[in-house]
Each structure stands twice: as structure tokens, then as C-alpha cells.
PDB file of N, CA and C in Angstrom:
ATOM      1  N   ASN A   1      11.420  36.857 -45.023  1.00  0.00           N
ATOM      2  CA  ASN A   1      12.240  35.743 -44.377  1.00  0.00           C
ATOM      3  C   ASN A   1      11.574  34.765 -43.532  1.00  0.00           C
ATOM      4  N   LEU A   2      12.331  33.404 -44.285  1.00  0.00           N
ATOM      5  CA  LEU A   2      11.401  32.509 -43.470  1.00  0.00           C
ATOM      6  C   LEU A   2      12.590  32.404 -42.250  1.00  0.00           C
ATOM      7  N   PRO A   3      11.700  31.696 -41.059  1.00  0.00           N
ATOM      8  CA  PRO A   3      12.266  31.400 -39.980  1.00  0.00           C
ATOM      9  C   PRO A   3      13.295  30.045 -39.799  1.00  0.00           C
ATOM     10  N   TRP A   4      14.420  30.390 -38.747  1.00  0.00           N
ATOM     11  CA  TRP A   4      15.246  29.517 -38.912  1.00  0.00           C
ATOM     12  C   TRP A   4      14.664  28.066 -38.965  1.00  0.00           C
ATOM     13  N   MET A   5      15.365  27.430 -39.356  1.00  0.00           N
ATOM     14  CA  MET A   5      15.331  25.963 -38.963  1.00  0.00           C
ATOM     15  C   MET A   5      16.308  24.995 -39.142  1.00  0.00           C
ATOM     16  N   PRO A   6      16.519  23.918 -38.684  1.00  0.00           N
ATOM     17  CA  PRO A   6      17.849  23.275 -38.496  1.00  0.00           C
ATOM     18  C   PRO A   6      18.283  22.910 -39.609  1.00  0.00           C
ATOM     19  N   ARG A   7      19.432  22.670 -40.168  1.00  0.00           N
ATOM     20  CA  ARG A   7      19.739  21.896 -41.831  1.00  0.00           C
ATOM     21  C   ARG A   7      19.302  20.355 -41.794  1.00  0.00           C
ATOM     22  N   VAL A   8      18.765  19.745 -42.551  1.00  0.00           N
ATOM     23  CA  VAL A   8      18.371  18.583 -42.236  1.00  0.00           C
ATOM     24  C   VAL A   8      19.307  18.006 -43.716  1.00  0.00           C
ATOM     25  N   ASP A   9      19.882  16.463 -43.281  1.00  0.00           N
ATOM     26  CA  ASP A   9      21.026  15.723 -43.762  1.00  0.00           C
ATOM     27  C   ASP A   9      20.386  15.047 -44.895  1.00  0.00           C
ATOM     28  N   PHE A  10      21.082  15.381 -46.215  1.00  0.00           N
ATOM     29  CA  PHE A  10      20.598  14.771 -47.061  1.00  0.00           C
ATOM     30  C   PHE A  10      20.462  13.562 -47.162  1.00  0.00           C
ATOM     31  N   PHE A  11      21.311  12.629 -46.059  1.00  0.00           N
ATOM     32  CA  PHE A  11      21.323  11.136 -46.295  1.00  0.00           C
ATOM     33  C   PHE A  11      20.072  10.645 -45.239  1.00  0.00           C
ATOM     34  N   THR A  12      19.358  11.224 -44.313  1.00  0.00           N
ATOM     35  CA  THR A  12      18.376  11.038 -43.810  1.00  0.00           C
ATOM     36  C   THR A  12      16.942  11.218 -44.738  1.00  0.00           C
ATOM     37  N   LEU A  13      17.009  12.191 -45.500  1.00  0.00           N
ATOM     38  CA  LEU A  13      15.907  12.326 -46.779  1.00  0.00           C
ATOM     39  C   LEU A  13      16.015  11.662 -47.853  1.00  0.00           C
ATOM     40  N   LEU A  14      17.446  10.674 -47.991  1.00  0.00           N
ATOM     41  CA  LEU A  14      17.646  10.212 -49.557  1.00  0.00           C
ATOM     42  C   LEU A  14      18.201   9.328 -48.862  1.00  0.00           C
ATOM     43  N   PRO A  15      17.797   8.178 -48.198  1.00  0.00           N
ATOM     44  CA  PRO A  15      19.004   6.775 -47.651  1.00  0.00           C
ATOM     45  C   PRO A  15      19.306   6.113 -48.632  1.00  0.00           C
ATOM     46  N   ASP A  16      18.880   6.154 -49.739  1.00  0.00           N
ATOM     47  CA  ASP A  16      19.250   5.497 -50.996  1.00  0.00           C
ATOM     48  C   ASP A  16      20.256   5.983 -51.869  1.00  0.00           C
ATOM     49  N   ALA A  17      20.267   6.943 -51.768  1.00  0.00           N
ATOM     50  CA  ALA A  17      21.054   7.721 -52.720  1.00  0.00           C
ATOM     51  C   ALA A  17      22.849   8.024 -52.886  1.00  0.00           C
ATOM     52  N   SER A  18      23.516   7.828 -53.599  1.00  0.00           N
ATOM     53  CA  SER A  18      24.786   7.637 -53.339  1.00  0.00           C
ATOM     54  C   SER A  18      25.510   8.406 -53.022  1.00  0.00           C
ATOM     55  N   ALA A  19      26.963   8.891 -52.019  1.00  0.00           N
ATOM     56  CA  ALA A  19      27.544   9.937 -51.600  1.00  0.00           C
ATOM     57  C   ALA A  19      27.679  11.063 -52.797  1.00  0.00           C
ATOM     58  N   ASP A  20      27.884  10.227 -53.905  1.00  0.00           N
ATOM     59  CA  ASP A  20      28.036  11.674 -55.303  1.00  0.00           C
ATOM     60  C   ASP A  20      27.091  12.259 -55.479  1.00  0.00           C
ATOM     61  N   ALA A  21      25.668  11.942 -55.554  1.00  0.00           N
ATOM     62  CA  ALA A  21      24.584  12.152 -55.757  1.00  0.00           C
ATOM     63  C   ALA A  21      23.846  12.969 -54.418  1.00  0.00           C
ATOM     64  N   VAL A  22      24.550  13.102 -52.891  1.00  0.00           N
ATOM     65  CA  VAL A  22      24.106  13.627 -52.106  1.00  0.00           C
ATOM     66  C   VAL A  22      24.947  15.273 -52.222  1.00  0.00           C
ATOM     67  N   ASP A  23      26.363  14.866 -52.587  1.00  0.00           N
ATOM     68  CA  ASP A  23      26.917  16.030 -52.597  1.00  0.00           C
ATOM     69  C   ASP A  23      26.820  16.908 -53.533  1.00  0.00           C
ATOM     70  N   LEU A  24      26.345  16.234 -55.204  1.00  0.00           N
ATOM     71  CA  LEU A  24      26.057  17.204 -55.634  1.00  0.00           C
ATOM     72  C   LEU A  24      24.741  18.113 -55.231  1.00  0.00           C
ATOM     73  N   LEU A  25      23.526  17.078 -54.801  1.00  0.00           N
ATOM     74  CA  LEU A  25      22.563  18.292 -54.326  1.00  0.00           C
ATOM     75  C   LEU A  25      23.244  19.147 -53.170  1.00  0.00           C
ATOM     76  N   GLY A  26      24.131  18.566 -52.242  1.00  0.00           N
ATOM     77  CA  GLY A  26      24.525  19.930 -51.257  1.00  0.00           C
ATOM     78  C   GLY A  26      24.723  21.238 -51.483  1.00  0.00           C
ATOM     79  N   HIS A  27      25.589  20.936 -53.037  1.00  0.00           N
ATOM     80  CA  HIS A  27      26.333  21.715 -53.413  1.00  0.00           C
ATOM     81  C   HIS A  27      25.472  23.192 -54.633  1.00  0.00           C
ATOM     82  N   MET A  28      24.381  21.741 -54.861  1.00  0.00           N
ATOM     83  CA  MET A  28      23.430  22.946 -55.700  1.00  0.00           C
ATOM     84  C   MET A  28      22.257  23.626 -54.952  1.00  0.00           C
ATOM     85  N   LEU A  29      22.325  23.405 -53.739  1.00  0.00           N
ATOM     86  CA  LEU A  29      21.514  23.730 -52.958  1.00  0.00           C
ATOM     87  C   LEU A  29      21.537  24.734 -51.888  1.00  0.00           C
ATOM     88  N   ALA A  30      22.827  24.756 -52.115  1.00  0.00           N
ATOM     89  CA  ALA A  30      23.079  25.936 -50.930  1.00  0.00           C
ATOM     90  C   ALA A  30      22.469  27.139 -50.909  1.00  0.00           C
ATOM     91  N   LEU A  31      22.019  27.621 -49.596  1.00  0.00           N
ATOM     92  CA  LEU A  31      21.462  28.467 -49.315  1.00  0.00           C
ATOM     93  C   LEU A  31      21.880  29.994 -50.268  1.00  0.00           C
ATOM     94  N   ASP A  32      22.965  29.670 -49.482  1.00  0.00           N
ATOM     95  CA  ASP A  32      24.026  31.230 -50.048  1.00  0.00           C
ATOM     96  C   ASP A  32      24.575  30.841 -51.104  1.00  0.00           C
ATOM     97  N   PRO A  33      24.267  31.647 -52.107  1.00  0.00           N
ATOM     98  CA  PRO A  33      24.374  32.017 -53.270  1.00  0.00           C
ATOM     99  C   PRO A  33      26.114  31.906 -53.411  1.00  0.00           C
ATOM    100  N   ASP A  34      26.768  32.106 -53.065  1.00  0.00           N
ATOM    101  CA  ASP A  34      28.375  32.265 -53.230  1.00  0.00           C
ATOM    102  C   ASP A  34      28.670  30.926 -52.832  1.00  0.00           C
ATOM    103  N   ASP A  35      28.212  30.363 -52.400  1.00  0.00           N
ATOM    104  CA  ASP A  35      28.880  29.149 -51.822  1.00  0.00           C
ATOM    105  C   ASP A  35      28.070  28.130 -52.677  1.00  0.00           C
ATOM    106  N   ARG A  36      27.205  27.832 -53.578  1.00  0.00           N
ATOM    107  CA  ARG A  36      26.386  27.430 -54.667  1.00  0.00           C
ATOM    108  C   ARG A  36      27.528  27.092 -55.790  1.00  0.00           C
ATOM    109  N   ILE A  37      27.442  25.817 -56.062  1.00  0.00           N
ATOM    110  CA  ILE A  37      28.635  25.177 -57.279  1.00  0.00           C
ATOM    111  C   ILE A  37      27.474  25.740 -58.649  1.00  0.00           C
ATOM    112  N   SER A  38      28.560  26.258 -59.692  1.00  0.00           N
ATOM    113  CA  SER A  38      28.059  26.705 -60.824  1.00  0.00           C
ATOM    114  C   SER A  38      27.364  25.770 -61.186  1.00  0.00           C
ATOM    115  N   VAL A  39      26.694  26.149 -62.977  1.00  0.00           N
ATOM    116  CA  VAL A  39      26.423  24.565 -63.989  1.00  0.00           C
ATOM    117  C   VAL A  39      27.273  24.325 -63.761  1.00  0.00           C
ATOM    118  N   SER A  40      28.891  24.752 -64.654  1.00  0.00           N
ATOM    119  CA  SER A  40      29.983  24.045 -65.711  1.00  0.00           C
ATOM    120  C   SER A  40      30.562  23.232 -64.621  1.00  0.00           C
ATOM    121  N   GLU A  41      30.248  23.651 -63.077  1.00  0.00           N
ATOM    122  CA  GLU A  41      31.314  23.064 -61.963  1.00  0.00           C
ATOM    123  C   GLU A  41      30.198  21.988 -61.948  1.00  0.00           C
ATOM    124  N   ALA A  42      28.812  21.949 -61.502  1.00  0.00           N
ATOM    125  CA  ALA A  42      28.028  20.696 -61.589  1.00  0.00           C
ATOM    126  C   ALA A  42      28.367  19.598 -62.559  1.00  0.00           C
ATOM    127  N   LEU A  43      28.260  19.872 -64.090  1.00  0.00           N
ATOM    128  CA  LEU A  43      28.304  18.981 -64.940  1.00  0.00           C
ATOM    129  C   LEU A  43      29.973  18.533 -64.881  1.00  0.00           C
ATOM    130  N   GLU A  44      30.604  19.317 -64.516  1.00  0.00           N
ATOM    131  CA  GLU A  44      31.816  18.459 -64.262  1.00  0.00           C
ATOM    132  C   GLU A  44      32.149  17.451 -62.833  1.00  0.00           C
ATOM    133  N   HIS A  45      30.902  17.601 -62.272  1.00  0.00           N
ATOM    134  CA  HIS A  45      30.883  16.993 -60.805  1.00  0.00           C
ATOM    135  C   HIS A  45      30.760  15.129 -61.202  1.00  0.00           C
ATOM    136  N   ALA A  46      31.319  14.444 -60.294  1.00  0.00           N
ATOM    137  CA  ALA A  46      31.623  13.214 -60.207  1.00  0.00           C
ATOM    138  C   ALA A  46      30.550  12.334 -60.649  1.00  0.00           C
ATOM    139  N   TYR A  47      29.188  12.698 -60.425  1.00  0.00           N
ATOM    140  CA  TYR A  47      27.797  12.094 -59.906  1.00  0.00           C
ATOM    141  C   TYR A  47      27.114  12.121 -61.464  1.00  0.00           C
ATOM    142  N   VAL A  48      27.417  13.251 -62.545  1.00  0.00           N
ATOM    143  CA  VAL A  48      27.096  13.329 -63.846  1.00  0.00           C
ATOM    144  C   VAL A  48      28.434  13.373 -64.867  1.00  0.00           C
ATOM    145  N   ARG A  49      29.568  13.360 -64.440  1.00  0.00           N
ATOM    146  CA  ARG A  49      30.485  13.555 -65.998  1.00  0.00           C
ATOM    147  C   ARG A  49      30.442  12.736 -66.592  1.00  0.00           C
ATOM    148  N   ASP A  50      30.297  11.115 -66.347  1.00  0.00           N
ATOM    149  CA  ASP A  50      29.994   9.954 -67.052  1.00  0.00           C
ATOM    150  C   ASP A  50      28.636   9.772 -67.958  1.00  0.00           C
ATOM    151  N   CYS A  51      27.967  11.005 -68.058  1.00  0.00           N
ATOM    152  CA  CYS A  51      26.490  11.010 -68.408  1.00  0.00           C
ATOM    153  C   CYS A  51      26.090  11.918 -69.308  1.00  0.00           C
ATOM    154  N   ARG A  52      27.592  12.996 -69.721  1.00  0.00           N
ATOM    155  CA  ARG A  52      27.471  13.693 -70.610  1.00  0.00           C
ATOM    156  C   ARG A  52      28.121  13.451 -71.688  1.00  0.00           C
ATOM    157  N   ASP A  53      27.470  14.572 -72.723  1.00  0.00           N
ATOM    158  CA  ASP A  53      28.546  14.904 -74.070  1.00  0.00           C
ATOM    159  C   ASP A  53      28.833  16.014 -74.612  1.00  0.00           C
ATOM    160  N   PRO A  54      30.264  16.780 -73.769  1.00  0.00           N
ATOM    161  CA  PRO A  54      30.828  18.282 -73.915  1.00  0.00           C
ATOM    162  C   PRO A  54      30.816  18.119 -75.223  1.00  0.00           C
ATOM    163  N   GLU A  55      30.678  17.647 -76.150  1.00  0.00           N
ATOM    164  CA  GLU A  55      30.839  18.015 -77.473  1.00  0.00           C
ATOM    165  C   GLU A  55      29.340  18.523 -78.014  1.00  0.00           C
ATOM    166  N   GLY A  56      28.356  17.685 -77.548  1.00  0.00           N
ATOM    167  CA  GLY A  56      27.325  18.047 -78.137  1.00  0.00           C
ATOM    168  C   GLY A  56      26.150  19.035 -77.481  1.00  0.00           C
ATOM    169  N   GLU A  57      27.088  19.437 -76.738  1.00  0.00           N
ATOM    170  CA  GLU A  57      26.408  20.510 -75.342  1.00  0.00           C
ATOM    171  C   GLU A  57      26.444  22.206 -76.342  1.00  0.00           C
ATOM    172  N   PRO A  58      25.373  22.893 -77.032  1.00  0.00           N
ATOM    173  CA  PRO A  58      25.181  24.207 -77.184  1.00  0.00           C
ATOM    174  C   PRO A  58      25.690  24.579 -76.198  1.00  0.00           C
ATOM    175  N   VAL A  59      26.507  26.247 -76.614  1.00  0.00           N
ATOM    176  CA  VAL A  59      27.341  27.068 -75.462  1.00  0.00           C
ATOM    177  C   VAL A  59      26.766  28.625 -75.716  1.00  0.00           C
ATOM    178  N   ALA A  60      26.041  29.055 -74.804  1.00  0.00           N
ATOM    179  CA  ALA A  60      25.347  30.387 -75.153  1.00  0.00           C
ATOM    180  C   ALA A  60      26.454  31.691 -75.628  1.00  0.00           C
ATOM    181  N   ASP A  61      26.328  32.520 -76.772  1.00  0.00           N
ATOM    182  CA  ASP A  61      27.603  33.375 -76.448  1.00  0.00           C
ATOM    183  C   ASP A  61      27.661  34.488 -76.091  1.00  0.00           C
ATOM    184  N   HIS A  62      26.216  34.642 -74.694  1.00  0.00           N
ATOM    185  CA  HIS A  62      26.065  35.547 -74.253  1.00  0.00           C
ATOM    186  C   HIS A  62      25.721  35.097 -73.101  1.00  0.00           C
ATOM    187  N   GLN A  63      25.835  35.913 -71.620  1.00  0.00           N
ATOM    188  CA  GLN A  63      24.862  35.716 -70.935  1.00  0.00           C
ATOM    189  C   GLN A  63      23.461  35.836 -70.800  1.00  0.00           C
ATOM    190  N   VAL A  64      22.651  34.824 -70.551  1.00  0.00           N
ATOM    191  CA  VAL A  64      21.324  34.630 -70.562  1.00  0.00           C
ATOM    192  C   VAL A  64      21.121  34.979 -69.062  1.00  0.00           C
ATOM    193  N   GLY A  65      19.914  35.915 -69.111  1.00  0.00           N
ATOM    194  CA  GLY A  65      19.300  36.282 -67.140  1.00  0.00           C
ATOM    195  C   GLY A  65      17.620  35.980 -67.784  1.00  0.00           C
ATOM    196  N   ILE A  66      17.359  36.081 -66.256  1.00  0.00           N
ATOM    197  CA  ILE A  66      15.723  35.735 -66.400  1.00  0.00           C
ATOM    198  C   ILE A  66      15.684  36.846 -65.252  1.00  0.00           C
ATOM    199  N   ASP A  67      14.021  37.625 -65.723  1.00  0.00           N
ATOM    200  CA  ASP A  67      13.935  38.549 -64.716  1.00  0.00           C
ATOM    201  C   ASP A  67      12.401  37.540 -63.893  1.00  0.00           C
ATOM    202  N   ALA A  68      12.639  37.406 -63.025  1.00  0.00           N
ATOM    203  CA  ALA A  68      11.353  36.903 -61.902  1.00  0.00           C
ATOM    204  C   ALA A  68      10.136  37.399 -61.846  1.00  0.00           C
ATOM    205  N   GLU A  69      10.476  38.531 -61.708  1.00  0.00           N
ATOM    206  CA  GLU A  69       9.113  39.588 -62.091  1.00  0.00           C
ATOM    207  C   GLU A  69       8.465  39.711 -63.336  1.00  0.00           C
ATOM    208  N   GLU A  70       9.269  39.777 -64.477  1.00  0.00           N
ATOM    209  CA  GLU A  70       8.700  39.661 -65.750  1.00  0.00           C
ATOM    210  C   GLU A  70       7.949  38.080 -65.976  1.00  0.00           C
ATOM    211  N   GLU A  71       8.698  37.176 -65.937  1.00  0.00           N
ATOM    212  CA  GLU A  71       8.759  35.788 -65.744  1.00  0.00           C
ATOM    213  C   GLU A  71       7.284  35.364 -65.353  1.00  0.00           C
ATOM    214  N   ALA A  72       7.285  35.739 -64.221  1.00  0.00           N
ATOM    215  CA  ALA A  72       6.126  35.658 -63.055  1.00  0.00           C
ATOM    216  C   ALA A  72       4.708  36.215 -63.949  1.00  0.00           C
ATOM    217  N   ALA A  73       4.862  37.815 -64.521  1.00  0.00           N
ATOM    218  CA  ALA A  73       4.093  38.191 -65.366  1.00  0.00           C
ATOM    219  C   ALA A  73       3.533  38.037 -66.550  1.00  0.00           C
ATOM    220  N   THR A  74       4.512  36.528 -67.106  1.00  0.00           N
ATOM    221  CA  THR A  74       4.241  36.107 -68.448  1.00  0.00           C
ATOM    222  C   THR A  74       3.083  35.326 -68.275  1.00  0.00           C
ATOM    223  N   SER A  75       2.304  35.619 -69.499  1.00  0.00           N
ATOM    224  CA  SER A  75       0.978  34.733 -69.354  1.00  0.00           C
ATOM    225  C   SER A  75       1.461  32.425 -69.848  1.00  0.00           C
ATOM    226  N   LEU A  76       0.693  31.723 -69.494  1.00  0.00           N
ATOM    227  CA  LEU A  76       1.043  30.358 -70.166  1.00  0.00           C
ATOM    228  C   LEU A  76       0.704  30.841 -71.626  1.00  0.00           C
ATOM    229  N   ASP A  77      -0.004  31.141 -72.392  1.00  0.00           N
ATOM    230  CA  ASP A  77      -0.432  31.604 -74.035  1.00  0.00           C
ATOM    231  C   ASP A  77       0.869  31.694 -73.920  1.00  0.00           C
ATOM    232  N   ASP A  78       1.451  33.260 -73.939  1.00  0.00           N
ATOM    233  CA  ASP A  78       2.652  33.578 -73.665  1.00  0.00           C
ATOM    234  C   ASP A  78       3.956  33.154 -74.241  1.00  0.00           C
ATOM    235  N   TRP A  79       3.369  31.882 -73.502  1.00  0.00           N
ATOM    236  CA  TRP A  79       4.716  30.922 -73.065  1.00  0.00           C
ATOM    237  C   TRP A  79       5.193  30.143 -74.438  1.00  0.00           C
ATOM    238  N   ARG A  80       3.692  29.670 -74.551  1.00  0.00           N
ATOM    239  CA  ARG A  80       3.464  28.798 -75.770  1.00  0.00           C
ATOM    240  C   ARG A  80       3.762  29.632 -77.102  1.00  0.00           C
TER     241      ARG A  80
END
């Protein structure tokens, strides 16, 4: 476990970022996964809503899982 640290306001870290950008970042980086925004919700967020083409985005027909231990054991050559 990491030691407790006070939360840093994203506006302090990113003073030139728009309110929508900071809002999306906060939702994506929520520490508790239950509080974190889903990919679908993120793509509907005001910050990116006008930058996407839903008709041109493929959707997987099944859930894609990533095993972190297996991924860590995969060599760069295997990924290539």
C-alpha cells in the first residue's frame, strides 16, 4: 500500500486546462474503481463528445480481459 497523501487539485497541476478536461481527468483517475468513469461514459463526456465518430468505432463482441501478470511476463519480441 502507498502511504496516504493529500489530494492535489487538478486545476493546480494543470492551470491552463479547461473545466471539462479537468472534470474528465478527475473521473478517469478516481482511486476507487467504483467511482471511476467507464470507457463508454468517458466517450460521452463533454470534453471529447465532439471529437469522435461513433459510427466509425468498432465494438468488441465480447469482453476483453487483460491479465496483468501474464502481460508483465510477455516479452517485447512476443508483443511484436
